[in-house]
Amino acid sequence: MTEPIRLAKRLAALVSCSRREAELYIAGGWVKVDGVVVEEPQFMVAEQKVELHPDATLVPVAPVTILFHQPVLQPSPQPSPSGRGGEREEQFLISADTRAPDDHSRIRMLKQHFLRLTPCLPLEKQASGLAVFTQDYRVSRKLGDDAATVEQEYIVQVAGELIADGLKLLNHGLSFNGKALPPVKVSWQNETHLRFALKGVQPGQIAHVCNSVGLQVLALKRLRIGRLALSKLPPGQWRYLMPYEKF
């Protein structure tokens, strides 16, 4: 019986390439073991059939950005599913099973796409809507360094009775954490929902200004970040950012 060895070592001998090249092929999703794609170079094989895809390339896996329709997260007493630190709870909802069926990016989904994802402009607790996770430093820098200039749009469900000139005050004239707020765009969507479009929003800001004019926030949903909207992405599902899409 053949002694088990690492898949990278087996592939390197099979196609006469270096161990590093074998690792790139495997991580790129180009290698099958008994007909099943395996993306872990350290995977142990013995007598299984190992195949390299005829279109395999050594180009490193490009970083991706994921747009996620984050549902309201329910508090859980259980530890994180992976047992590792550093991940946000919502990241565990991003998996192969929750990719939107109508994702038209044509990007081959790889396990590497779910590693080292950086959350950008994280949603507040009990908020839902558009969330962004990226491996691309250009995106994280844009939504980090330029956060004060990127407009975000929210739909806010409220209850209560608006004070006189309350809508005017929501647009301009209120303060938060001891500082005057810049003008924002606030309008009624219907009798119970307000639409906010604002830049540099801070955690708790929307709830605070609503309370200041006699309203209580019941639900908060982000519809847009910059030029990218949630659109028809279903709750709990995600898609890849298209190459031509910009925030």
C-alpha atoms as a PDB file:
ATOM      1  CA  MET A   1       0.000   0.000   0.000  1.00  0.00           C
ATOM      2  CA  THR A   2       1.344   3.453  -0.931  1.00  0.00           C
ATOM      3  CA  GLU A   3       2.429   5.638   1.997  1.00  0.00           C
ATOM      4  CA  PRO A   4       0.255   8.819   2.205  1.00  0.00           C
ATOM      5  CA  ILE A   5       2.020  12.037   1.152  1.00  0.00           C
ATOM      6  CA  ARG A   6       1.008  15.669   0.791  1.00  0.00           C
ATOM      7  CA  LEU A   7      -0.988  16.472  -2.314  1.00  0.00           C
ATOM      8  CA  ALA A   8       1.496  19.222  -3.282  1.00  0.00           C
ATOM      9  CA  LYS A   9       4.368  16.745  -3.282  1.00  0.00           C
ATOM     10  CA  ARG A  10       2.367  14.194  -5.293  1.00  0.00           C
ATOM     11  CA  LEU A  11       1.341  16.800  -7.868  1.00  0.00           C
ATOM     12  CA  ALA A  12       4.880  18.169  -8.208  1.00  0.00           C
ATOM     13  CA  ALA A  13       6.114  14.689  -9.108  1.00  0.00           C
ATOM     14  CA  LEU A  14       3.140  14.030 -11.373  1.00  0.00           C
ATOM     15  CA  VAL A  15       3.471  17.124 -13.602  1.00  0.00           C
ATOM     16  CA  SER A  16       7.189  17.871 -13.084  1.00  0.00           C
ATOM     17  CA  CYS A  17       6.796  21.258 -11.398  1.00  0.00           C
ATOM     18  CA  SER A  18       8.190  22.815  -8.229  1.00  0.00           C
ATOM     19  CA  ARG A  19       6.481  22.333  -4.879  1.00  0.00           C
ATOM     20  CA  ARG A  20       5.546  26.035  -4.834  1.00  0.00           C
ATOM     21  CA  GLU A  21       3.969  25.775  -8.284  1.00  0.00           C
ATOM     22  CA  ALA A  22       2.043  22.706  -7.148  1.00  0.00           C
ATOM     23  CA  GLU A  23       0.715  24.674  -4.175  1.00  0.00           C
ATOM     24  CA  LEU A  24      -0.462  27.472  -6.484  1.00  0.00           C
ATOM     25  CA  TYR A  25      -2.240  25.012  -8.748  1.00  0.00           C
ATOM     26  CA  ILE A  26      -3.985  23.431  -5.774  1.00  0.00           C
ATOM     27  CA  ALA A  27      -4.956  26.718  -4.085  1.00  0.00           C
ATOM     28  CA  GLY A  28      -6.293  27.936  -7.423  1.00  0.00           C
ATOM     29  CA  GLY A  29      -8.810  25.097  -7.548  1.00  0.00           C
ATOM     30  CA  TRP A  30      -7.178  23.379 -10.525  1.00  0.00           C
ATOM     31  CA  VAL A  31      -6.553  19.965  -8.932  1.00  0.00           C
ATOM     32  CA  LYS A  32      -8.931  17.063  -8.430  1.00  0.00           C
ATOM     33  CA  VAL A  33      -8.497  13.996  -6.239  1.00  0.00           C
ATOM     34  CA  ASP A  34     -10.708  11.128  -7.367  1.00  0.00           C
ATOM     35  CA  GLY A  35     -12.790  13.639  -9.332  1.00  0.00           C
ATOM     36  CA  VAL A  36     -13.286  16.111  -6.475  1.00  0.00           C
ATOM     37  CA  VAL A  37     -11.577  19.506  -6.367  1.00  0.00           C
ATOM     38  CA  VAL A  38      -9.191  19.791  -3.414  1.00  0.00           C
ATOM     39  CA  GLU A  39      -7.766  23.210  -2.534  1.00  0.00           C
ATOM     40  CA  GLU A  40      -5.513  22.275   0.398  1.00  0.00           C
ATOM     41  CA  PRO A  41      -1.855  21.576  -0.535  1.00  0.00           C
ATOM     42  CA  GLN A  42      -1.407  19.653   2.723  1.00  0.00           C
ATOM     43  CA  PHE A  43      -4.217  17.215   1.869  1.00  0.00           C
ATOM     44  CA  MET A  44      -2.881  13.669   2.229  1.00  0.00           C
ATOM     45  CA  VAL A  45      -3.178  11.257  -0.691  1.00  0.00           C
ATOM     46  CA  ALA A  46      -2.106   7.676  -1.222  1.00  0.00           C
ATOM     47  CA  GLU A  47      -3.447   5.722  -4.189  1.00  0.00           C
ATOM     48  CA  GLN A  48      -6.140   8.219  -5.237  1.00  0.00           C
ATOM     49  CA  LYS A  49      -6.232   9.572  -8.763  1.00  0.00           C
ATOM     50  CA  VAL A  50      -4.773  13.097  -8.950  1.00  0.00           C
ATOM     51  CA  GLU A  51      -5.587  15.292 -11.974  1.00  0.00           C
ATOM     52  CA  LEU A  52      -4.501  18.763 -13.029  1.00  0.00           C
ATOM     53  CA  HIS A  53      -7.048  20.747 -15.057  1.00  0.00           C
ATOM     54  CA  PRO A  54      -5.834  21.282 -18.645  1.00  0.00           C
ATOM     55  CA  ASP A  55      -6.511  25.041 -18.358  1.00  0.00           C
ATOM     56  CA  ALA A  56      -4.607  25.359 -15.075  1.00  0.00           C
ATOM     57  CA  THR A  57      -2.653  28.561 -14.570  1.00  0.00           C
ATOM     58  CA  LEU A  58      -0.044  29.647 -12.054  1.00  0.00           C
ATOM     59  CA  VAL A  59      -1.516  33.135 -11.747  1.00  0.00           C
ATOM     60  CA  PRO A  60      -2.052  33.786  -7.993  1.00  0.00           C
ATOM     61  CA  VAL A  61      -5.661  33.976  -6.823  1.00  0.00           C
ATOM     62  CA  ALA A  62      -6.818  37.588  -7.112  1.00  0.00           C
ATOM     63  CA  PRO A  63      -8.291  39.234  -3.994  1.00  0.00           C
ATOM     64  CA  VAL A  64     -12.071  39.489  -3.988  1.00  0.00           C
ATOM     65  CA  THR A  65     -14.687  41.776  -2.502  1.00  0.00           C
ATOM     66  CA  ILE A  66     -18.001  40.371  -1.290  1.00  0.00           C
ATOM     67  CA  LEU A  67     -21.299  42.253  -1.092  1.00  0.00           C
ATOM     68  CA  PHE A  68     -23.511  40.664   1.549  1.00  0.00           C
ATOM     69  CA  HIS A  69     -27.158  41.288   2.450  1.00  0.00           C
ATOM     70  CA  GLN A  70     -26.667  40.991   6.170  1.00  0.00           C
ATOM     71  CA  PRO A  71     -29.757  40.004   8.149  1.00  0.00           C
ATOM     72  CA  VAL A  72     -30.349  41.220  11.680  1.00  0.00           C
ATOM     73  CA  LEU A  73     -27.986  39.156  13.806  1.00  0.00           C
ATOM     74  CA  GLN A  74     -29.473  37.387  16.785  1.00  0.00           C
ATOM     75  CA  PRO A  75     -27.350  37.181  19.961  1.00  0.00           C
ATOM     76  CA  SER A  76     -25.941  33.691  20.453  1.00  0.00           C
ATOM     77  CA  PRO A  77     -24.384  32.219  23.619  1.00  0.00           C
ATOM     78  CA  GLN A  78     -22.435  29.748  21.489  1.00  0.00           C
ATOM     79  CA  PRO A  79     -18.751  30.329  20.624  1.00  0.00           C
ATOM     80  CA  SER A  80     -17.764  31.139  17.054  1.00  0.00           C
ATOM     81  CA  PRO A  81     -18.145  28.134  14.698  1.00  0.00           C
ATOM     82  CA  SER A  82     -14.466  28.051  13.836  1.00  0.00           C
ATOM     83  CA  GLY A  83     -13.198  28.473  17.370  1.00  0.00           C
ATOM     84  CA  ARG A  84     -10.811  31.122  16.050  1.00  0.00           C
ATOM     85  CA  GLY A  85     -10.676  34.780  16.946  1.00  0.00           C
ATOM     86  CA  GLY A  86     -10.707  37.710  14.554  1.00  0.00           C
ATOM     87  CA  GLU A  87     -13.813  36.895  12.517  1.00  0.00           C
ATOM     88  CA  ARG A  88     -17.037  38.835  12.849  1.00  0.00           C
ATOM     89  CA  GLU A  89     -20.202  36.834  13.494  1.00  0.00           C
ATOM     90  CA  GLU A  90     -21.699  37.781  10.136  1.00  0.00           C
ATOM     91  CA  GLN A  91     -18.698  36.333   8.291  1.00  0.00           C
ATOM     92  CA  PHE A  92     -19.810  32.840   9.258  1.00  0.00           C
ATOM     93  CA  LEU A  93     -22.946  33.405   7.176  1.00  0.00           C
ATOM     94  CA  ILE A  94     -20.813  33.900   4.065  1.00  0.00           C
ATOM     95  CA  SER A  95     -20.204  30.463   2.594  1.00  0.00           C
ATOM     96  CA  ALA A  96     -20.521  28.445  -0.589  1.00  0.00           C
ATOM     97  CA  ASP A  97     -24.135  27.683   0.335  1.00  0.00           C
ATOM     98  CA  THR A  98     -25.193  31.334   0.637  1.00  0.00           C
ATOM     99  CA  ARG A  99     -23.856  32.660  -2.665  1.00  0.00           C
ATOM    100  CA  ALA A 100     -26.691  34.319  -4.595  1.00  0.00           C
ATOM    101  CA  PRO A 101     -27.815  32.112  -7.510  1.00  0.00           C
ATOM    102  CA  ASP A 102     -27.958  35.148  -9.820  1.00  0.00           C
ATOM    103  CA  ASP A 103     -24.372  36.272  -9.131  1.00  0.00           C
ATOM    104  CA  HIS A 104     -23.260  37.143 -12.671  1.00  0.00           C
ATOM    105  CA  SER A 105     -19.589  37.763 -11.893  1.00  0.00           C
ATOM    106  CA  ARG A 106     -18.511  34.395 -13.363  1.00  0.00           C
ATOM    107  CA  ILE A 107     -15.813  34.213 -10.689  1.00  0.00           C
ATOM    108  CA  ARG A 108     -14.816  30.638  -9.825  1.00  0.00           C
ATOM    109  CA  MET A 109     -15.574  30.331  -6.134  1.00  0.00           C
ATOM    110  CA  LEU A 110     -12.566  29.207  -4.096  1.00  0.00           C
ATOM    111  CA  LYS A 111     -12.076  28.503  -0.416  1.00  0.00           C
ATOM    112  CA  GLN A 112      -9.382  31.186  -0.399  1.00  0.00           C
ATOM    113  CA  HIS A 113     -12.089  33.772  -1.047  1.00  0.00           C
ATOM    114  CA  PHE A 114     -13.441  33.240   2.468  1.00  0.00           C
ATOM    115  CA  LEU A 115     -10.095  33.801   4.216  1.00  0.00           C
ATOM    116  CA  ARG A 116      -8.762  37.091   5.608  1.00  0.00           C
ATOM    117  CA  LEU A 117     -11.878  39.072   4.730  1.00  0.00           C
ATOM    118  CA  THR A 118     -11.803  42.602   6.127  1.00  0.00           C
ATOM    119  CA  PRO A 119     -15.167  44.157   7.092  1.00  0.00           C
ATOM    120  CA  CYS A 120     -15.640  47.667   5.673  1.00  0.00           C
ATOM    121  CA  LEU A 121     -18.021  50.178   7.290  1.00  0.00           C
ATOM    122  CA  PRO A 122     -19.524  47.488   9.583  1.00  0.00           C
ATOM    123  CA  LEU A 123     -23.235  47.702  10.298  1.00  0.00           C
ATOM    124  CA  GLU A 124     -24.459  48.530  13.769  1.00  0.00           C
ATOM    125  CA  LYS A 125     -25.827  45.769  15.965  1.00  0.00           C
ATOM    126  CA  GLN A 126     -29.468  45.030  15.164  1.00  0.00           C
ATOM    127  CA  ALA A 127     -29.074  46.677  11.734  1.00  0.00           C
ATOM    128  CA  SER A 128     -29.443  44.874   8.410  1.00  0.00           C
ATOM    129  CA  GLY A 129     -28.666  45.544   4.790  1.00  0.00           C
ATOM    130  CA  LEU A 130     -25.604  45.990   2.617  1.00  0.00           C
ATOM    131  CA  ALA A 131     -22.321  44.846   4.182  1.00  0.00           C
ATOM    132  CA  VAL A 132     -18.926  44.734   2.490  1.00  0.00           C
ATOM    133  CA  PHE A 133     -16.061  42.295   3.127  1.00  0.00           C
ATOM    134  CA  THR A 134     -12.859  42.451   1.121  1.00  0.00           C
ATOM    135  CA  GLN A 135      -9.405  40.986   0.578  1.00  0.00           C
ATOM    136  CA  ASP A 136      -8.480  43.967  -1.611  1.00  0.00           C
ATOM    137  CA  TYR A 137      -6.481  46.671   0.183  1.00  0.00           C
ATOM    138  CA  ARG A 138      -7.697  49.241  -2.359  1.00  0.00           C
ATOM    139  CA  VAL A 139     -11.299  48.689  -1.302  1.00  0.00           C
ATOM    140  CA  SER A 140     -10.543  48.651   2.423  1.00  0.00           C
ATOM    141  CA  ARG A 141      -8.512  51.848   2.037  1.00  0.00           C
ATOM    142  CA  LYS A 142     -11.275  53.542   0.041  1.00  0.00           C
ATOM    143  CA  LEU A 143     -13.967  52.695   2.580  1.00  0.00           C
ATOM    144  CA  GLY A 144     -11.640  53.365   5.507  1.00  0.00           C
ATOM    145  CA  ASP A 145      -9.679  56.496   4.688  1.00  0.00           C
ATOM    146  CA  ASP A 146     -12.527  58.030   2.667  1.00  0.00           C
ATOM    147  CA  ALA A 147     -15.378  56.951   4.947  1.00  0.00           C
ATOM    148  CA  ALA A 148     -16.282  60.575   5.700  1.00  0.00           C
ATOM    149  CA  THR A 149     -16.889  61.290   2.002  1.00  0.00           C
ATOM    150  CA  VAL A 150     -18.728  58.096   0.966  1.00  0.00           C
ATOM    151  CA  GLU A 151     -22.491  58.546   1.143  1.00  0.00           C
ATOM    152  CA  GLN A 152     -24.583  55.817   2.729  1.00  0.00           C
ATOM    153  CA  GLU A 153     -28.324  55.403   2.373  1.00  0.00           C
ATOM    154  CA  TYR A 154     -30.578  53.898   5.045  1.00  0.00           C
ATOM    155  CA  ILE A 155     -34.247  53.112   5.451  1.00  0.00           C
ATOM    156  CA  VAL A 156     -35.284  53.630   9.076  1.00  0.00           C
ATOM    157  CA  GLN A 157     -38.518  52.305  10.552  1.00  0.00           C
ATOM    158  CA  VAL A 158     -39.698  54.636  13.311  1.00  0.00           C
ATOM    159  CA  ALA A 159     -42.506  55.026  15.823  1.00  0.00           C
ATOM    160  CA  GLY A 160     -43.664  58.048  17.797  1.00  0.00           C
ATOM    161  CA  GLU A 161     -44.761  61.560  16.961  1.00  0.00           C
ATOM    162  CA  LEU A 162     -42.437  63.927  15.157  1.00  0.00           C
ATOM    163  CA  ILE A 163     -42.012  67.292  16.894  1.00  0.00           C
ATOM    164  CA  ALA A 164     -42.650  70.572  15.082  1.00  0.00           C
ATOM    165  CA  ASP A 165     -39.919  71.227  12.495  1.00  0.00           C
ATOM    166  CA  GLY A 166     -38.585  67.760  13.282  1.00  0.00           C
ATOM    167  CA  LEU A 167     -37.897  66.824   9.663  1.00  0.00           C
ATOM    168  CA  LYS A 168     -36.082  70.125   9.145  1.00  0.00           C
ATOM    169  CA  LEU A 169     -33.935  69.446  12.207  1.00  0.00           C
ATOM    170  CA  LEU A 170     -33.106  65.945  10.985  1.00  0.00           C
ATOM    171  CA  ASN A 171     -31.747  67.474   7.790  1.00  0.00           C
ATOM    172  CA  HIS A 172     -29.662  70.052   9.647  1.00  0.00           C
ATOM    173  CA  GLY A 173     -29.485  71.475  13.140  1.00  0.00           C
ATOM    174  CA  LEU A 174     -28.764  68.566  15.476  1.00  0.00           C
ATOM    175  CA  SER A 175     -25.595  67.431  17.247  1.00  0.00           C
ATOM    176  CA  PHE A 176     -24.111  64.089  18.271  1.00  0.00           C
ATOM    177  CA  ASN A 177     -21.457  63.401  20.910  1.00  0.00           C
ATOM    178  CA  GLY A 178     -21.157  67.102  21.557  1.00  0.00           C
ATOM    179  CA  LYS A 179     -20.504  68.077  17.939  1.00  0.00           C
ATOM    180  CA  ALA A 180     -22.783  69.724  15.402  1.00  0.00           C
ATOM    181  CA  LEU A 181     -23.711  67.378  12.565  1.00  0.00           C
ATOM    182  CA  PRO A 182     -23.278  68.396   8.931  1.00  0.00           C
ATOM    183  CA  PRO A 183     -26.355  68.608   6.682  1.00  0.00           C
ATOM    184  CA  VAL A 184     -27.882  65.296   5.619  1.00  0.00           C
ATOM    185  CA  LYS A 185     -30.784  64.324   3.382  1.00  0.00           C
ATOM    186  CA  VAL A 186     -33.789  62.936   5.235  1.00  0.00           C
ATOM    187  CA  SER A 187     -37.275  62.397   3.799  1.00  0.00           C
ATOM    188  CA  TRP A 188     -40.357  60.311   4.485  1.00  0.00           C
ATOM    189  CA  GLN A 189     -40.613  57.147   2.409  1.00  0.00           C
ATOM    190  CA  ASN A 190     -44.039  56.417   3.899  1.00  0.00           C
ATOM    191  CA  GLU A 191     -45.842  57.004   7.202  1.00  0.00           C
ATOM    192  CA  THR A 192     -43.489  54.807   9.232  1.00  0.00           C
ATOM    193  CA  HIS A 193     -40.194  54.851   7.323  1.00  0.00           C
ATOM    194  CA  LEU A 194     -37.606  57.577   6.869  1.00  0.00           C
ATOM    195  CA  ARG A 195     -34.914  57.605   4.209  1.00  0.00           C
ATOM    196  CA  PHE A 196     -31.494  58.898   5.301  1.00  0.00           C
ATOM    197  CA  ALA A 197     -28.618  59.730   2.939  1.00  0.00           C
ATOM    198  CA  LEU A 198     -25.534  60.834   4.836  1.00  0.00           C
ATOM    199  CA  LYS A 199     -21.753  60.703   4.965  1.00  0.00           C
ATOM    200  CA  GLY A 200     -19.486  59.732   7.835  1.00  0.00           C
ATOM    201  CA  VAL A 201     -22.327  58.192   9.819  1.00  0.00           C
ATOM    202  CA  GLN A 202     -21.305  57.137  13.336  1.00  0.00           C
ATOM    203  CA  PRO A 203     -22.649  54.196  15.359  1.00  0.00           C
ATOM    204  CA  GLY A 204     -25.746  55.302  17.238  1.00  0.00           C
ATOM    205  CA  GLN A 205     -26.068  58.568  15.297  1.00  0.00           C
ATOM    206  CA  ILE A 206     -29.322  57.799  13.486  1.00  0.00           C
ATOM    207  CA  ALA A 207     -31.042  56.520  16.639  1.00  0.00           C
ATOM    208  CA  HIS A 208     -29.864  59.606  18.547  1.00  0.00           C
ATOM    209  CA  VAL A 209     -31.148  62.166  16.036  1.00  0.00           C
ATOM    210  CA  CYS A 210     -34.458  60.345  15.726  1.00  0.00           C
ATOM    211  CA  ASN A 211     -34.871  60.356  19.515  1.00  0.00           C
ATOM    212  CA  SER A 212     -34.080  64.085  19.479  1.00  0.00           C
ATOM    213  CA  VAL A 213     -37.189  64.778  17.380  1.00  0.00           C
ATOM    214  CA  GLY A 214     -39.579  62.415  19.178  1.00  0.00           C
ATOM    215  CA  LEU A 215     -39.073  59.243  17.164  1.00  0.00           C
ATOM    216  CA  GLN A 216     -37.942  55.771  18.215  1.00  0.00           C
ATOM    217  CA  VAL A 217     -35.978  53.622  15.771  1.00  0.00           C
ATOM    218  CA  LEU A 218     -37.535  50.184  15.327  1.00  0.00           C
ATOM    219  CA  ALA A 219     -35.383  48.925  12.446  1.00  0.00           C
ATOM    220  CA  LEU A 220     -32.378  50.136  10.485  1.00  0.00           C
ATOM    221  CA  LYS A 221     -31.466  48.899   6.995  1.00  0.00           C
ATOM    222  CA  ARG A 222     -28.591  50.083   4.794  1.00  0.00           C
ATOM    223  CA  LEU A 223     -29.530  50.223   1.113  1.00  0.00           C
ATOM    224  CA  ARG A 224     -26.442  51.759  -0.465  1.00  0.00           C
ATOM    225  CA  ILE A 225     -22.757  52.532   0.017  1.00  0.00           C
ATOM    226  CA  GLY A 226     -21.485  55.112  -2.443  1.00  0.00           C
ATOM    227  CA  ARG A 227     -22.642  54.048  -5.902  1.00  0.00           C
ATOM    228  CA  LEU A 228     -23.339  50.423  -4.961  1.00  0.00           C
ATOM    229  CA  ALA A 229     -26.873  49.498  -3.910  1.00  0.00           C
ATOM    230  CA  LEU A 230     -28.256  46.416  -2.197  1.00  0.00           C
ATOM    231  CA  SER A 231     -30.666  46.070  -5.118  1.00  0.00           C
ATOM    232  CA  LYS A 232     -32.342  42.625  -5.306  1.00  0.00           C
ATOM    233  CA  LEU A 233     -29.725  40.695  -3.309  1.00  0.00           C
ATOM    234  CA  PRO A 234     -31.791  38.422  -0.998  1.00  0.00           C
ATOM    235  CA  PRO A 235     -31.280  38.549   2.792  1.00  0.00           C
ATOM    236  CA  GLY A 236     -28.544  36.199   3.966  1.00  0.00           C
ATOM    237  CA  GLN A 237     -26.974  35.900   0.498  1.00  0.00           C
ATOM    238  CA  TRP A 238     -23.871  37.441  -1.083  1.00  0.00           C
ATOM    239  CA  ARG A 239     -22.278  38.079  -4.436  1.00  0.00           C
ATOM    240  CA  TYR A 240     -18.855  39.075  -5.754  1.00  0.00           C
ATOM    241  CA  LEU A 241     -18.100  42.689  -6.610  1.00  0.00           C
ATOM    242  CA  MET A 242     -17.891  43.045 -10.383  1.00  0.00           C
ATOM    243  CA  PRO A 243     -14.574  44.340 -11.810  1.00  0.00           C
ATOM    244  CA  TYR A 244     -16.281  47.439 -13.215  1.00  0.00           C
ATOM    245  CA  GLU A 245     -18.181  48.329 -10.009  1.00  0.00           C
ATOM    246  CA  LYS A 246     -16.824  51.177  -7.909  1.00  0.00           C
ATOM    247  CA  PHE A 247     -17.889  52.650  -4.617  1.00  0.00           C
END
